[in-house]
N, C-alpha and C. Protein backbone atom coordinates (compact mmCIF):
# COMPACT_ATOMS: atom_id res chain seq x y z
N MET A 1 9.40 -1.58 -14.58
CA MET A 1 8.91 -0.31 -13.73
C MET A 1 9.96 0.03 -12.90
N LYS A 2 10.63 1.40 -13.58
CA LYS A 2 10.75 2.21 -11.93
C LYS A 2 10.22 3.38 -11.87
N ASP A 3 10.23 3.64 -10.47
CA ASP A 3 9.24 4.95 -10.37
C ASP A 3 9.82 5.65 -9.63
N LYS A 4 10.38 7.10 -9.20
CA LYS A 4 10.55 7.91 -9.25
C LYS A 4 10.73 7.95 -7.85
N LEU A 5 9.18 7.89 -7.68
CA LEU A 5 9.15 8.70 -6.18
C LEU A 5 9.76 7.62 -4.42
N LEU A 6 9.97 7.89 -4.03
CA LEU A 6 11.14 7.15 -2.86
C LEU A 6 10.07 6.49 -2.27
N ILE A 7 8.64 6.67 -2.01
CA ILE A 7 7.46 6.57 -0.98
C ILE A 7 7.09 5.29 -1.65
N ILE A 8 7.13 5.13 -2.91
CA ILE A 8 6.16 3.89 -3.91
C ILE A 8 7.21 3.08 -3.38
N THR A 9 8.38 3.52 -4.40
CA THR A 9 9.90 2.33 -4.28
C THR A 9 9.33 1.62 -2.67
N ARG A 10 9.41 2.72 -1.64
CA ARG A 10 9.54 1.76 -0.40
C ARG A 10 8.43 0.94 0.18
N ILE A 11 7.25 1.48 -0.36
CA ILE A 11 6.52 0.85 -0.55
C ILE A 11 6.16 -0.93 -0.98
N LYS A 12 6.78 -0.78 -2.28
CA LYS A 12 6.95 -1.72 -2.95
C LYS A 12 7.27 -2.61 -2.11
N ALA A 13 8.85 -2.32 -1.79
CA ALA A 13 9.69 -2.92 -0.86
C ALA A 13 8.78 -3.46 0.33
N SER A 14 8.35 -3.43 1.20
CA SER A 14 7.43 -3.69 2.02
C SER A 14 6.48 -3.91 1.59
N ILE A 15 6.07 -4.24 0.44
CA ILE A 15 4.85 -5.05 -0.03
C ILE A 15 5.49 -6.61 0.02
N ILE A 16 6.93 -6.87 -0.72
CA ILE A 16 7.41 -7.70 -0.97
C ILE A 16 8.05 -8.24 0.48
N TYR A 17 8.33 -8.07 1.04
CA TYR A 17 9.12 -8.53 2.31
C TYR A 17 8.04 -8.90 3.38
N ILE A 18 6.63 -8.18 3.40
CA ILE A 18 5.63 -8.58 3.87
C ILE A 18 4.91 -9.88 3.44
N ASN A 19 5.19 -10.09 1.86
CA ASN A 19 4.03 -11.05 1.52
C ASN A 19 4.98 -12.07 1.68
N ASN A 20 6.36 -12.39 1.97
CA ASN A 20 7.22 -13.31 2.48
C ASN A 20 6.90 -13.76 3.53
N MET A 21 6.73 -12.40 4.38
CA MET A 21 6.69 -13.05 6.17
C MET A 21 4.91 -13.24 6.16
N VAL A 22 3.84 -13.25 5.71
CA VAL A 22 2.76 -13.43 5.20
C VAL A 22 2.40 -15.32 4.91
N ILE A 23 3.91 -15.79 4.00
CA ILE A 23 3.06 -17.25 4.02
C ILE A 23 3.18 -17.76 4.96
N ASN A 24 4.52 -17.49 6.36
CA ASN A 24 4.17 -18.71 6.82
C ASN A 24 3.49 -18.29 8.42
N PHE A 25 2.51 -17.44 7.74
CA PHE A 25 1.04 -17.61 9.06
C PHE A 25 0.25 -18.71 8.67
N PRO A 26 -0.56 -19.19 9.98
CA PRO A 26 -0.98 -20.20 9.90
C PRO A 26 -2.17 -20.21 8.92
N LYS A 27 -2.86 -21.50 8.25
CA LYS A 27 -4.16 -21.30 7.33
C LYS A 27 -5.30 -20.93 8.18
N THR A 28 -5.36 -21.12 9.42
CA THR A 28 -6.53 -20.72 10.28
C THR A 28 -6.56 -18.97 10.07
N GLU A 29 -5.46 -18.35 10.33
CA GLU A 29 -5.43 -16.92 9.94
C GLU A 29 -5.70 -16.56 8.77
N THR A 30 -6.25 -16.64 7.85
CA THR A 30 -6.13 -16.11 6.25
C THR A 30 -6.96 -14.83 6.40
N VAL A 31 -7.98 -14.48 7.52
CA VAL A 31 -8.48 -13.12 7.61
C VAL A 31 -7.73 -11.93 7.84
N LEU A 32 -6.82 -12.34 8.40
CA LEU A 32 -5.66 -11.83 9.20
C LEU A 32 -4.73 -11.41 7.91
N ARG A 33 -4.53 -12.40 7.50
CA ARG A 33 -3.26 -12.50 6.02
C ARG A 33 -4.09 -11.43 4.74
N ASP A 34 -5.41 -12.33 4.43
CA ASP A 34 -5.86 -11.11 3.84
C ASP A 34 -6.19 -9.66 3.81
N ASN A 35 -6.32 -9.42 5.53
CA ASN A 35 -6.31 -7.64 5.35
C ASN A 35 -5.03 -7.00 5.39
N ILE A 36 -3.69 -7.44 5.71
CA ILE A 36 -2.59 -7.03 5.68
C ILE A 36 -2.00 -6.76 4.54
N THR A 37 -2.37 -7.40 3.25
CA THR A 37 -1.95 -7.40 2.02
C THR A 37 -3.15 -6.45 1.32
N LYS A 38 -4.31 -6.50 1.85
CA LYS A 38 -5.22 -5.51 1.12
C LYS A 38 -5.04 -4.56 1.53
N SER A 39 -4.30 -4.22 2.97
CA SER A 39 -4.10 -2.92 3.42
C SER A 39 -2.83 -2.36 2.77
N LEU A 40 -1.85 -2.85 2.61
CA LEU A 40 -0.92 -2.83 1.41
C LEU A 40 -1.31 -2.18 0.26
N HIS A 41 -1.95 -2.86 -0.65
CA HIS A 41 -2.13 -2.40 -2.18
C HIS A 41 -3.04 -1.05 -1.73
N LYS A 42 -4.29 -0.84 -0.90
CA LYS A 42 -4.55 -0.31 -1.26
C LYS A 42 -3.68 1.19 -1.02
N LEU A 43 -2.35 1.35 0.52
CA LEU A 43 -1.74 2.12 0.38
C LEU A 43 -0.64 2.74 -0.85
N LEU A 44 -0.88 1.38 -1.20
CA LEU A 44 0.32 1.97 -2.90
C LEU A 44 -0.58 2.75 -3.91
N TYR A 45 -1.98 2.08 -3.89
CA TYR A 45 -2.64 2.44 -4.75
C TYR A 45 -3.42 4.45 -4.13
N LEU A 46 -3.19 4.44 -3.13
CA LEU A 46 -3.70 5.68 -2.73
C LEU A 46 -2.28 6.72 -3.11
N SER A 47 -1.36 6.40 -2.85
CA SER A 47 0.29 6.88 -3.28
C SER A 47 -0.06 7.34 -4.76
N TYR A 48 -0.38 6.26 -5.27
CA TYR A 48 -0.06 6.25 -7.38
C TYR A 48 -1.19 7.74 -7.02
N LYS A 49 -2.32 7.54 -6.90
CA LYS A 49 -3.11 8.48 -7.05
C LYS A 49 -2.73 9.78 -6.56
N ALA A 50 -2.52 9.81 -5.31
CA ALA A 50 -2.10 11.34 -4.58
C ALA A 50 -1.53 11.80 -5.62
N ASN A 51 -0.35 11.02 -5.89
CA ASN A 51 1.29 11.37 -7.36
C ASN A 51 0.37 11.78 -8.78
N ILE A 52 -1.05 11.70 -9.30
CA ILE A 52 -1.25 11.72 -10.59
C ILE A 52 -2.63 13.34 -10.26
N THR A 53 -2.50 12.92 -9.10
CA THR A 53 -4.50 14.29 -8.57
C THR A 53 -3.24 15.73 -9.05
N GLN A 54 -3.93 16.53 -9.16
CA GLN A 54 -3.51 17.87 -9.25
C GLN A 54 -4.58 18.63 -8.01
N ASN A 55 -5.91 18.03 -7.95
CA ASN A 55 -6.45 19.06 -7.31
C ASN A 55 -6.44 18.78 -5.44
N LYS A 56 -6.25 19.88 -5.08
CA LYS A 56 -5.84 20.10 -3.97
C LYS A 56 -6.52 18.93 -3.11
N TYR A 57 -8.02 19.56 -3.03
CA TYR A 57 -9.41 18.89 -2.44
C TYR A 57 -8.95 17.26 -1.98
N TYR A 58 -8.55 16.80 -3.05
CA TYR A 58 -8.96 15.61 -3.33
C TYR A 58 -7.63 14.63 -2.84
N LYS A 59 -6.46 15.43 -2.92
CA LYS A 59 -5.29 15.50 -2.24
C LYS A 59 -5.16 15.24 -0.68
N GLN A 60 -6.17 16.08 -0.11
CA GLN A 60 -6.57 16.05 1.26
C GLN A 60 -7.31 14.74 1.43
N GLU A 61 -8.67 14.23 0.64
CA GLU A 61 -8.88 13.33 0.90
C GLU A 61 -8.57 11.71 0.87
N ILE A 62 -7.02 12.20 0.05
CA ILE A 62 -6.09 10.74 0.42
C ILE A 62 -4.90 10.78 1.10
N LEU A 63 -4.97 12.11 1.38
CA LEU A 63 -4.30 11.84 3.19
C LEU A 63 -5.06 11.27 4.33
N ILE A 64 -6.26 12.09 4.50
CA ILE A 64 -6.61 11.55 5.24
C ILE A 64 -7.26 10.09 4.86
N GLU A 65 -7.54 9.39 3.98
CA GLU A 65 -7.54 7.72 3.89
C GLU A 65 -6.55 7.25 4.16
N LEU A 66 -5.30 7.70 4.08
CA LEU A 66 -4.07 7.61 4.29
C LEU A 66 -3.73 7.45 5.85
N LYS A 67 -4.42 8.02 6.80
CA LYS A 67 -4.34 8.00 7.96
C LYS A 67 -4.63 6.91 8.35
């Protein structure tokens, strides 16, 4: 699936890159690894949500969550 938004394609590329780096983390750092992947996936989710939403109020809330 090809996305037209540049930010979404860059977030996906970042997820792939960081997932390759996170594999090398020690097993004792599972909490850190999970937090990193959750944050990246939340960023991708909010980017899609901001693209779909038409209401300005919801877009402002999404931008606040991204900060």
